Amino acid sequence: MLVIFTFISHASAADGMQVKPGLWETKTFTKIPFGGGVQENVSQDCFKDSEVTLKEFMQDAQECKVLDSDIQEDSMRWTVSCNNQGVEMIGKGNVQSSGDKITGGIDIKGDVDGSGEMVMTILWEGERIGECN
């Protein structure tokens, strides 16, 4: 039932946030609702382009539709509507870049089976750790 967002980069000019190409390590922390704790995921990716687009940043969120976005050279902010196993969820996300580091997160809210609002928070941080092989 979790929507996971991953940091992926391959962008075209003027559509994205600036990052330094190279090998990146990204940590994602998902706060599971209803006392489920925190799930951590670490990945390494080779980024060949100097921009990250919102579409690529959210490529693993296939059941989501972007409602609005604001994309700058050093940041992205967006609102999405996601259908997660029949539950409509709204997410507000952001990411900031200093070129060789990123930080950000998203809060996702939805009403689960009429039992009340569920809030899931996903935080991410990443940094360039070297050259690609």
C-alpha atoms as a PDB file:
ATOM      1  CA  MET A   1       0.000   0.000   0.000  1.00  0.00           C
ATOM      2  CA  LEU A   2       3.020   2.289  -0.068  1.00  0.00           C
ATOM      3  CA  VAL A   3       3.826   4.692  -2.841  1.00  0.00           C
ATOM      4  CA  ILE A   4       7.595   4.967  -3.037  1.00  0.00           C
ATOM      5  CA  PHE A   5       9.323   7.810  -4.817  1.00  0.00           C
ATOM      6  CA  THR A   6      12.876   7.334  -6.008  1.00  0.00           C
ATOM      7  CA  PHE A   7      15.491   9.766  -7.207  1.00  0.00           C
ATOM      8  CA  ILE A   8      16.219   9.086 -10.878  1.00  0.00           C
ATOM      9  CA  SER A   9      18.016  11.457 -13.234  1.00  0.00           C
ATOM     10  CA  HIS A  10      18.088  11.790 -16.993  1.00  0.00           C
ATOM     11  CA  ALA A  11      16.689  15.161 -17.987  1.00  0.00           C
ATOM     12  CA  SER A  12      16.288  17.524 -20.868  1.00  0.00           C
ATOM     13  CA  ALA A  13      17.181  21.208 -20.786  1.00  0.00           C
ATOM     14  CA  ALA A  14      15.125  23.809 -18.879  1.00  0.00           C
ATOM     15  CA  ASP A  15      12.660  21.312 -17.428  1.00  0.00           C
ATOM     16  CA  GLY A  16      14.450  20.381 -14.256  1.00  0.00           C
ATOM     17  CA  MET A  17      16.516  21.046 -11.203  1.00  0.00           C
ATOM     18  CA  GLN A  18      20.308  21.226 -11.535  1.00  0.00           C
ATOM     19  CA  VAL A  19      22.513  18.416 -10.177  1.00  0.00           C
ATOM     20  CA  LYS A  20      26.163  17.536 -10.760  1.00  0.00           C
ATOM     21  CA  PRO A  21      26.530  14.446 -12.985  1.00  0.00           C
ATOM     22  CA  GLY A  22      28.261  11.433 -11.434  1.00  0.00           C
ATOM     23  CA  LEU A  23      27.658   8.573  -9.015  1.00  0.00           C
ATOM     24  CA  TRP A  24      24.982   9.444  -6.441  1.00  0.00           C
ATOM     25  CA  GLU A  25      23.911   7.708  -3.252  1.00  0.00           C
ATOM     26  CA  THR A  26      20.333   8.399  -2.173  1.00  0.00           C
ATOM     27  CA  LYS A  27      18.717   7.467   1.145  1.00  0.00           C
ATOM     28  CA  THR A  28      14.934   7.308   1.420  1.00  0.00           C
ATOM     29  CA  PHE A  29      13.185   7.210   4.803  1.00  0.00           C
ATOM     30  CA  THR A  30       9.514   6.188   4.764  1.00  0.00           C
ATOM     31  CA  LYS A  31       7.553   6.773   7.971  1.00  0.00           C
ATOM     32  CA  ILE A  32       4.930   4.016   7.964  1.00  0.00           C
ATOM     33  CA  PRO A  33       1.551   5.148   9.358  1.00  0.00           C
ATOM     34  CA  PHE A  34      -0.229   3.597  12.340  1.00  0.00           C
ATOM     35  CA  GLY A  35       2.966   2.844  14.272  1.00  0.00           C
ATOM     36  CA  GLY A  36       4.688   0.991  11.442  1.00  0.00           C
ATOM     37  CA  GLY A  37       8.078   2.552  12.110  1.00  0.00           C
ATOM     38  CA  VAL A  38      10.544   3.874   9.537  1.00  0.00           C
ATOM     39  CA  GLN A  39      11.718   1.987   6.463  1.00  0.00           C
ATOM     40  CA  GLU A  40      15.096   3.029   5.019  1.00  0.00           C
ATOM     41  CA  ASN A  41      16.259   2.398   1.486  1.00  0.00           C
ATOM     42  CA  VAL A  42      19.702   3.238   0.043  1.00  0.00           C
ATOM     43  CA  SER A  43      20.454   3.251  -3.670  1.00  0.00           C
ATOM     44  CA  GLN A  44      23.307   4.289  -5.933  1.00  0.00           C
ATOM     45  CA  ASP A  45      22.743   5.610  -9.438  1.00  0.00           C
ATOM     46  CA  CYS A  46      24.921   7.046 -12.167  1.00  0.00           C
ATOM     47  CA  PHE A  47      23.512  10.393 -13.323  1.00  0.00           C
ATOM     48  CA  LYS A  48      24.790  11.456 -16.711  1.00  0.00           C
ATOM     49  CA  ASP A  49      22.749  14.645 -17.119  1.00  0.00           C
ATOM     50  CA  SER A  50      22.904  17.893 -15.169  1.00  0.00           C
ATOM     51  CA  GLU A  51      19.137  18.221 -14.675  1.00  0.00           C
ATOM     52  CA  VAL A  52      16.463  16.158 -12.937  1.00  0.00           C
ATOM     53  CA  THR A  53      12.873  16.527 -14.140  1.00  0.00           C
ATOM     54  CA  LEU A  54       9.810  15.993 -11.974  1.00  0.00           C
ATOM     55  CA  LYS A  55       8.583  13.249 -14.316  1.00  0.00           C
ATOM     56  CA  GLU A  56      11.828  11.322 -13.865  1.00  0.00           C
ATOM     57  CA  PHE A  57      11.972  12.004 -10.137  1.00  0.00           C
ATOM     58  CA  MET A  58       8.557  10.360  -9.816  1.00  0.00           C
ATOM     59  CA  GLN A  59       8.881   7.633 -12.451  1.00  0.00           C
ATOM     60  CA  ASP A  60       8.119   4.854  -9.930  1.00  0.00           C
ATOM     61  CA  ALA A  61       4.860   6.562  -8.891  1.00  0.00           C
ATOM     62  CA  GLN A  62       2.888   5.337 -11.895  1.00  0.00           C
ATOM     63  CA  GLU A  63      -0.539   5.625 -10.248  1.00  0.00           C
ATOM     64  CA  CYS A  64      -0.011   9.335  -9.585  1.00  0.00           C
ATOM     65  CA  LYS A  65      -1.039  12.433 -11.526  1.00  0.00           C
ATOM     66  CA  VAL A  66       0.735  15.770 -11.020  1.00  0.00           C
ATOM     67  CA  LEU A  67      -1.817  18.466 -10.124  1.00  0.00           C
ATOM     68  CA  ASP A  68       0.624  21.382  -9.973  1.00  0.00           C
ATOM     69  CA  SER A  69       4.357  21.995  -9.837  1.00  0.00           C
ATOM     70  CA  ASP A  70       6.964  24.720  -9.470  1.00  0.00           C
ATOM     71  CA  ILE A  71      10.376  23.862 -10.905  1.00  0.00           C
ATOM     72  CA  GLN A  72      13.395  26.091 -10.350  1.00  0.00           C
ATOM     73  CA  GLU A  73      17.107  25.614 -10.989  1.00  0.00           C
ATOM     74  CA  ASP A  74      17.716  24.612  -7.361  1.00  0.00           C
ATOM     75  CA  SER A  75      14.347  23.164  -6.280  1.00  0.00           C
ATOM     76  CA  MET A  76      11.106  21.449  -7.250  1.00  0.00           C
ATOM     77  CA  ARG A  77       7.720  21.556  -5.474  1.00  0.00           C
ATOM     78  CA  TRP A  78       4.627  19.629  -6.536  1.00  0.00           C
ATOM     79  CA  THR A  79       1.210  18.298  -5.596  1.00  0.00           C
ATOM     80  CA  VAL A  80       0.068  14.869  -6.797  1.00  0.00           C
ATOM     81  CA  SER A  81      -3.077  12.789  -6.664  1.00  0.00           C
ATOM     82  CA  CYS A  82      -2.411   9.054  -6.384  1.00  0.00           C
ATOM     83  CA  ASN A  83      -4.685   6.028  -6.536  1.00  0.00           C
ATOM     84  CA  ASN A  84      -3.150   3.525  -4.139  1.00  0.00           C
ATOM     85  CA  GLN A  85      -5.114   0.245  -4.169  1.00  0.00           C
ATOM     86  CA  GLY A  86      -8.400   2.121  -4.545  1.00  0.00           C
ATOM     87  CA  VAL A  87      -7.550   4.810  -1.971  1.00  0.00           C
ATOM     88  CA  GLU A  88      -7.274   8.347  -3.362  1.00  0.00           C
ATOM     89  CA  MET A  89      -4.265  10.091  -1.796  1.00  0.00           C
ATOM     90  CA  ILE A  90      -2.925  13.631  -2.137  1.00  0.00           C
ATOM     91  CA  GLY A  91       0.786  14.310  -1.786  1.00  0.00           C
ATOM     92  CA  LYS A  92       2.752  17.545  -1.436  1.00  0.00           C
ATOM     93  CA  GLY A  93       6.436  17.132  -2.185  1.00  0.00           C
ATOM     94  CA  ASN A  94       9.622  19.130  -2.474  1.00  0.00           C
ATOM     95  CA  VAL A  95      13.298  18.642  -3.191  1.00  0.00           C
ATOM     96  CA  GLN A  96      16.202  21.083  -3.017  1.00  0.00           C
ATOM     97  CA  SER A  97      19.589  20.772  -4.712  1.00  0.00           C
ATOM     98  CA  SER A  98      22.944  22.368  -3.975  1.00  0.00           C
ATOM     99  CA  GLY A  99      24.387  20.690  -7.087  1.00  0.00           C
ATOM    100  CA  ASP A 100      26.118  17.824  -5.302  1.00  0.00           C
ATOM    101  CA  LYS A 101      23.500  17.202  -2.555  1.00  0.00           C
ATOM    102  CA  ILE A 102      19.717  16.947  -2.466  1.00  0.00           C
ATOM    103  CA  THR A 103      17.195  16.951   0.373  1.00  0.00           C
ATOM    104  CA  GLY A 104      13.429  16.826   0.379  1.00  0.00           C
ATOM    105  CA  GLY A 105      10.334  14.885   1.131  1.00  0.00           C
ATOM    106  CA  ILE A 106       6.650  14.336   0.548  1.00  0.00           C
ATOM    107  CA  ASP A 107       3.625  14.091   2.820  1.00  0.00           C
ATOM    108  CA  ILE A 108       0.890  11.848   1.426  1.00  0.00           C
ATOM    109  CA  LYS A 109      -2.619  11.938   2.921  1.00  0.00           C
ATOM    110  CA  GLY A 110      -5.633   9.743   2.279  1.00  0.00           C
ATOM    111  CA  ASP A 111      -8.793   8.418   3.913  1.00  0.00           C
ATOM    112  CA  VAL A 112      -8.425   4.676   4.507  1.00  0.00           C
ATOM    113  CA  ASP A 113     -11.679   2.663   4.611  1.00  0.00           C
ATOM    114  CA  GLY A 114     -13.521   5.536   6.272  1.00  0.00           C
ATOM    115  CA  SER A 115     -11.457   4.971   9.443  1.00  0.00           C
ATOM    116  CA  GLY A 116      -9.782   8.348   9.263  1.00  0.00           C
ATOM    117  CA  GLU A 117      -6.972  10.130   7.566  1.00  0.00           C
ATOM    118  CA  MET A 118      -3.709   8.291   7.025  1.00  0.00           C
ATOM    119  CA  VAL A 119      -0.555  10.377   6.646  1.00  0.00           C
ATOM    120  CA  MET A 120       2.645   8.895   5.255  1.00  0.00           C
ATOM    121  CA  THR A 121       5.875  10.895   5.143  1.00  0.00           C
ATOM    122  CA  ILE A 122       8.793  10.090   2.880  1.00  0.00           C
ATOM    123  CA  LEU A 123      12.081  11.953   3.317  1.00  0.00           C
ATOM    124  CA  TRP A 124      15.075  11.699   1.048  1.00  0.00           C
ATOM    125  CA  GLU A 125      18.646  12.875   1.000  1.00  0.00           C
ATOM    126  CA  GLY A 126      21.276  12.244  -1.585  1.00  0.00           C
ATOM    127  CA  GLU A 127      24.810  13.195  -2.446  1.00  0.00           C
ATOM    128  CA  ARG A 128      27.269  12.812  -5.254  1.00  0.00           C
ATOM    129  CA  ILE A 129      29.912  10.327  -4.117  1.00  0.00           C
ATOM    130  CA  GLY A 130      32.205  10.179  -7.161  1.00  0.00           C
ATOM    131  CA  GLU A 131      32.523   9.534 -10.853  1.00  0.00           C
ATOM    132  CA  CYS A 132      30.515   6.905 -12.702  1.00  0.00           C
ATOM    133  CA  ASN A 133      32.364   3.747 -13.734  1.00  0.00           C
END
